């Protein structure tokens, strides 16, 4: 009988910090996800120990995916005005 993914099929994040994984799922696709990710990645309190390396790697991957999908990155993309730019003449 299959009731869902086995623990082996889950990510390190899901296994070690299920509440964070659930919160990411709940916030995904909303503007709140970017703030939530930023708060996970930066220790603003100065008291956090950090995540285990495997979890940190997964969070960085999730953050990269979020960046690629984000409206925020559009401000850094080329515009029509950039089409005339060239290096060295």
N, C-alpha and C. Protein backbone atom coordinates (compact mmCIF):
# COMPACT_ATOMS: atom_id res chain seq x y z
N UNK A 1 0.84 -1.16 0.00
CA UNK A 1 0.00 0.00 0.00
C UNK A 1 0.90 1.24 0.00
N UNK A 2 0.57 2.21 -0.85
CA UNK A 2 1.34 3.43 -0.94
C UNK A 2 0.51 4.57 -0.35
N UNK A 3 1.02 5.17 0.70
CA UNK A 3 0.32 6.27 1.36
C UNK A 3 0.92 7.63 1.04
N UNK A 4 1.97 7.67 0.29
CA UNK A 4 2.66 8.92 -0.02
C UNK A 4 4.14 8.62 -0.16
N UNK A 5 4.93 9.65 -0.38
CA UNK A 5 6.35 9.41 -0.57
C UNK A 5 6.98 8.85 0.70
N UNK A 6 7.90 7.92 0.49
CA UNK A 6 8.62 7.37 1.64
C UNK A 6 9.57 8.43 2.17
N UNK A 7 10.05 8.22 3.37
CA UNK A 7 11.00 9.16 3.96
C UNK A 7 12.22 9.29 3.07
N UNK A 8 12.64 8.19 2.43
CA UNK A 8 13.79 8.23 1.54
C UNK A 8 13.57 9.11 0.32
N UNK A 9 12.31 9.24 -0.11
CA UNK A 9 12.00 10.04 -1.28
C UNK A 9 11.87 11.53 -0.95
N UNK A 10 11.80 11.84 0.33
CA UNK A 10 11.68 13.23 0.74
C UNK A 10 13.05 13.91 0.76
N UNK A 11 13.03 15.21 0.67
CA UNK A 11 14.25 15.98 0.72
C UNK A 11 14.76 16.08 2.15
N UNK A 12 15.99 16.53 2.29
CA UNK A 12 16.55 16.76 3.63
C UNK A 12 15.72 17.81 4.37
N UNK A 13 15.28 18.82 3.64
CA UNK A 13 14.45 19.86 4.25
C UNK A 13 13.17 19.27 4.81
N UNK A 14 12.49 18.44 4.01
CA UNK A 14 11.25 17.81 4.46
C UNK A 14 11.47 16.89 5.66
N UNK A 15 12.59 16.16 5.64
CA UNK A 15 12.87 15.23 6.73
C UNK A 15 13.26 15.94 8.02
N UNK A 16 14.08 16.98 7.91
CA UNK A 16 14.63 17.60 9.11
C UNK A 16 13.86 18.84 9.58
N UNK A 17 13.21 19.52 8.66
CA UNK A 17 12.47 20.73 9.00
C UNK A 17 11.12 20.74 8.27
N UNK A 18 10.25 19.78 8.61
CA UNK A 18 8.97 19.69 7.89
C UNK A 18 8.12 20.95 8.00
N UNK A 19 8.23 21.66 9.11
CA UNK A 19 7.43 22.88 9.27
C UNK A 19 7.88 23.95 8.27
N UNK A 20 9.15 24.01 7.96
CA UNK A 20 9.64 24.98 6.97
C UNK A 20 9.18 24.55 5.57
N UNK A 21 9.28 23.27 5.27
CA UNK A 21 8.82 22.78 3.97
C UNK A 21 7.34 23.06 3.78
N UNK A 22 6.54 22.82 4.81
CA UNK A 22 5.10 23.08 4.73
C UNK A 22 4.81 24.57 4.55
N UNK A 23 5.57 25.41 5.22
CA UNK A 23 5.37 26.85 5.10
C UNK A 23 5.74 27.34 3.70
N UNK A 24 6.81 26.78 3.13
CA UNK A 24 7.19 27.13 1.75
C UNK A 24 6.09 26.73 0.77
N UNK A 25 5.54 25.55 0.95
CA UNK A 25 4.45 25.10 0.08
C UNK A 25 3.25 26.04 0.22
N UNK A 26 2.93 26.42 1.44
CA UNK A 26 1.77 27.29 1.68
C UNK A 26 1.97 28.68 1.08
N UNK A 27 3.21 29.18 1.12
CA UNK A 27 3.49 30.53 0.64
C UNK A 27 3.88 30.58 -0.84
N UNK A 28 4.20 29.43 -1.43
CA UNK A 28 4.66 29.41 -2.83
C UNK A 28 3.60 30.03 -3.74
N UNK A 29 4.02 30.88 -4.63
CA UNK A 29 3.10 31.53 -5.54
C UNK A 29 2.48 32.79 -4.99
N UNK A 30 2.88 33.17 -3.78
CA UNK A 30 2.41 34.42 -3.18
C UNK A 30 3.60 35.34 -2.97
N UNK A 31 3.36 36.63 -2.82
CA UNK A 31 4.47 37.56 -2.55
C UNK A 31 5.19 37.25 -1.23
N UNK A 32 4.52 36.58 -0.31
CA UNK A 32 5.12 36.27 0.99
C UNK A 32 6.28 35.29 0.92
N UNK A 33 6.36 34.49 -0.13
CA UNK A 33 7.40 33.48 -0.21
C UNK A 33 8.79 34.11 -0.28
N UNK A 34 8.93 35.24 -0.96
CA UNK A 34 10.24 35.88 -1.08
C UNK A 34 10.72 36.39 0.29
N UNK A 35 9.83 36.99 1.04
CA UNK A 35 10.19 37.46 2.38
C UNK A 35 10.52 36.29 3.28
N UNK A 36 9.74 35.24 3.19
CA UNK A 36 9.99 34.05 4.02
C UNK A 36 11.35 33.45 3.70
N UNK A 37 11.67 33.32 2.42
CA UNK A 37 12.98 32.77 2.03
C UNK A 37 14.11 33.67 2.51
N UNK A 38 13.94 34.97 2.37
CA UNK A 38 14.97 35.90 2.82
C UNK A 38 15.21 35.76 4.32
N UNK A 39 14.14 35.60 5.08
CA UNK A 39 14.28 35.43 6.53
C UNK A 39 14.93 34.11 6.90
N UNK A 40 14.74 33.09 6.07
CA UNK A 40 15.41 31.81 6.32
C UNK A 40 16.91 31.89 6.03
N UNK A 41 17.24 32.63 5.00
CA UNK A 41 18.62 32.65 4.51
C UNK A 41 19.53 33.61 5.29
N UNK A 42 18.95 34.63 5.92
CA UNK A 42 19.74 35.63 6.61
C UNK A 42 19.38 35.63 8.10
N UNK A 43 20.39 35.55 8.94
CA UNK A 43 20.18 35.57 10.38
C UNK A 43 20.13 37.00 10.87
N UNK A 44 18.93 37.53 11.00
CA UNK A 44 18.77 38.91 11.45
C UNK A 44 18.81 39.04 12.98
N UNK A 45 18.71 37.90 13.67
CA UNK A 45 18.72 37.92 15.13
C UNK A 45 20.11 37.69 15.71
N UNK A 46 20.98 37.08 14.92
CA UNK A 46 22.33 36.81 15.40
C UNK A 46 22.44 35.63 16.34
N UNK A 47 21.39 34.82 16.43
CA UNK A 47 21.39 33.70 17.38
C UNK A 47 21.22 32.34 16.72
N UNK A 48 21.04 32.33 15.41
CA UNK A 48 20.80 31.05 14.74
C UNK A 48 22.09 30.29 14.53
N UNK A 49 21.98 28.97 14.55
CA UNK A 49 23.14 28.11 14.33
C UNK A 49 23.34 27.80 12.86
N UNK A 50 22.35 28.02 12.06
CA UNK A 50 22.43 27.68 10.64
C UNK A 50 21.86 26.30 10.39
N UNK A 51 21.68 26.01 9.11
CA UNK A 51 21.12 24.73 8.71
C UNK A 51 22.24 23.75 8.41
N UNK A 52 21.97 22.44 8.54
CA UNK A 52 22.93 21.46 8.06
C UNK A 52 23.20 21.70 6.58
N UNK A 53 24.38 21.36 6.11
CA UNK A 53 24.78 21.70 4.74
C UNK A 53 23.81 21.17 3.69
N UNK A 54 23.30 19.95 3.84
CA UNK A 54 22.37 19.40 2.85
C UNK A 54 21.08 20.22 2.79
N UNK A 55 20.61 20.68 3.93
CA UNK A 55 19.40 21.50 3.97
C UNK A 55 19.69 22.88 3.38
N UNK A 56 20.84 23.45 3.72
CA UNK A 56 21.22 24.76 3.17
C UNK A 56 21.32 24.71 1.66
N UNK A 57 21.88 23.62 1.13
CA UNK A 57 21.97 23.46 -0.33
C UNK A 57 20.58 23.41 -0.97
N UNK A 58 19.65 22.70 -0.35
CA UNK A 58 18.29 22.63 -0.88
C UNK A 58 17.62 24.00 -0.82
N UNK A 59 17.82 24.72 0.27
CA UNK A 59 17.24 26.06 0.38
C UNK A 59 17.82 27.00 -0.67
N UNK A 60 19.12 26.88 -0.95
CA UNK A 60 19.73 27.71 -1.99
C UNK A 60 19.17 27.36 -3.36
N UNK A 61 18.93 26.08 -3.61
CA UNK A 61 18.31 25.67 -4.88
C UNK A 61 16.89 26.23 -4.99
N UNK A 62 16.13 26.12 -3.93
CA UNK A 62 14.77 26.66 -3.92
C UNK A 62 14.81 28.16 -4.15
N UNK A 63 15.76 28.84 -3.51
CA UNK A 63 15.88 30.28 -3.67
C UNK A 63 16.25 30.64 -5.12
N UNK A 64 17.09 29.83 -5.75
CA UNK A 64 17.45 30.06 -7.15
C UNK A 64 16.23 29.88 -8.05
N UNK A 65 15.46 28.85 -7.82
CA UNK A 65 14.23 28.63 -8.59
C UNK A 65 13.28 29.79 -8.39
N UNK A 66 13.12 30.20 -7.16
CA UNK A 66 12.25 31.34 -6.86
C UNK A 66 12.73 32.59 -7.59
N UNK A 67 14.04 32.82 -7.59
CA UNK A 67 14.62 33.98 -8.28
C UNK A 67 14.30 33.91 -9.77
N UNK A 68 14.43 32.74 -10.36
CA UNK A 68 14.16 32.59 -11.79
C UNK A 68 12.69 32.84 -12.12
N UNK A 69 11.81 32.53 -11.20
CA UNK A 69 10.38 32.68 -11.43
C UNK A 69 9.83 34.03 -10.97
N UNK A 70 10.64 34.77 -10.27
CA UNK A 70 10.20 35.97 -9.58
C UNK A 70 10.05 37.18 -10.49
N UNK A 71 9.09 38.01 -10.18
CA UNK A 71 8.96 39.30 -10.85
C UNK A 71 10.12 40.22 -10.48
N UNK A 72 10.71 40.00 -9.31
CA UNK A 72 11.82 40.84 -8.87
C UNK A 72 12.97 40.79 -9.86
N UNK A 73 13.25 39.63 -10.43
CA UNK A 73 14.39 39.51 -11.34
C UNK A 73 14.17 40.28 -12.63
N UNK A 74 12.93 40.57 -12.96
CA UNK A 74 12.65 41.27 -14.21
C UNK A 74 13.31 42.65 -14.26
N UNK A 75 13.50 43.25 -13.10
CA UNK A 75 14.13 44.56 -13.10
C UNK A 75 15.60 44.48 -13.50
N UNK A 76 16.19 43.29 -13.49
CA UNK A 76 17.59 43.11 -13.85
C UNK A 76 17.77 42.60 -15.28
N UNK A 77 16.69 42.28 -15.94
CA UNK A 77 16.77 41.75 -17.29
C UNK A 77 16.99 42.86 -18.30
N UNK A 78 17.47 42.50 -19.47
CA UNK A 78 17.70 43.47 -20.53
C UNK A 78 16.41 44.15 -20.94
N UNK A 79 16.55 45.39 -21.35
CA UNK A 79 15.42 46.14 -21.87
C UNK A 79 15.76 46.56 -23.29
N UNK A 80 14.82 47.15 -23.99
CA UNK A 80 15.05 47.63 -25.35
C UNK A 80 16.19 48.65 -25.38
N UNK A 81 16.30 49.47 -24.34
CA UNK A 81 17.36 50.47 -24.28
C UNK A 81 18.74 49.82 -24.26
N UNK A 82 18.84 48.61 -23.75
CA UNK A 82 20.11 47.91 -23.67
C UNK A 82 20.57 47.39 -25.03
N UNK A 83 19.69 47.33 -26.01
CA UNK A 83 20.03 46.72 -27.30
C UNK A 83 21.11 47.48 -28.04
N UNK A 84 21.31 48.76 -27.75
CA UNK A 84 22.33 49.56 -28.42
C UNK A 84 23.67 49.56 -27.68
N UNK A 85 23.75 48.88 -26.56
CA UNK A 85 24.97 48.87 -25.76
C UNK A 85 26.02 47.97 -26.40
N UNK A 86 27.27 48.40 -26.34
CA UNK A 86 28.37 47.54 -26.78
C UNK A 86 29.63 47.91 -26.00
N UNK A 87 30.53 46.96 -25.89
CA UNK A 87 31.81 47.20 -25.23
C UNK A 87 32.80 47.69 -26.28
N UNK A 88 33.50 48.77 -25.98
CA UNK A 88 34.62 49.22 -26.80
C UNK A 88 34.28 49.75 -28.16
N UNK A 89 33.18 50.35 -28.32
CA UNK A 89 32.95 51.08 -29.54
C UNK A 89 32.15 50.48 -30.55
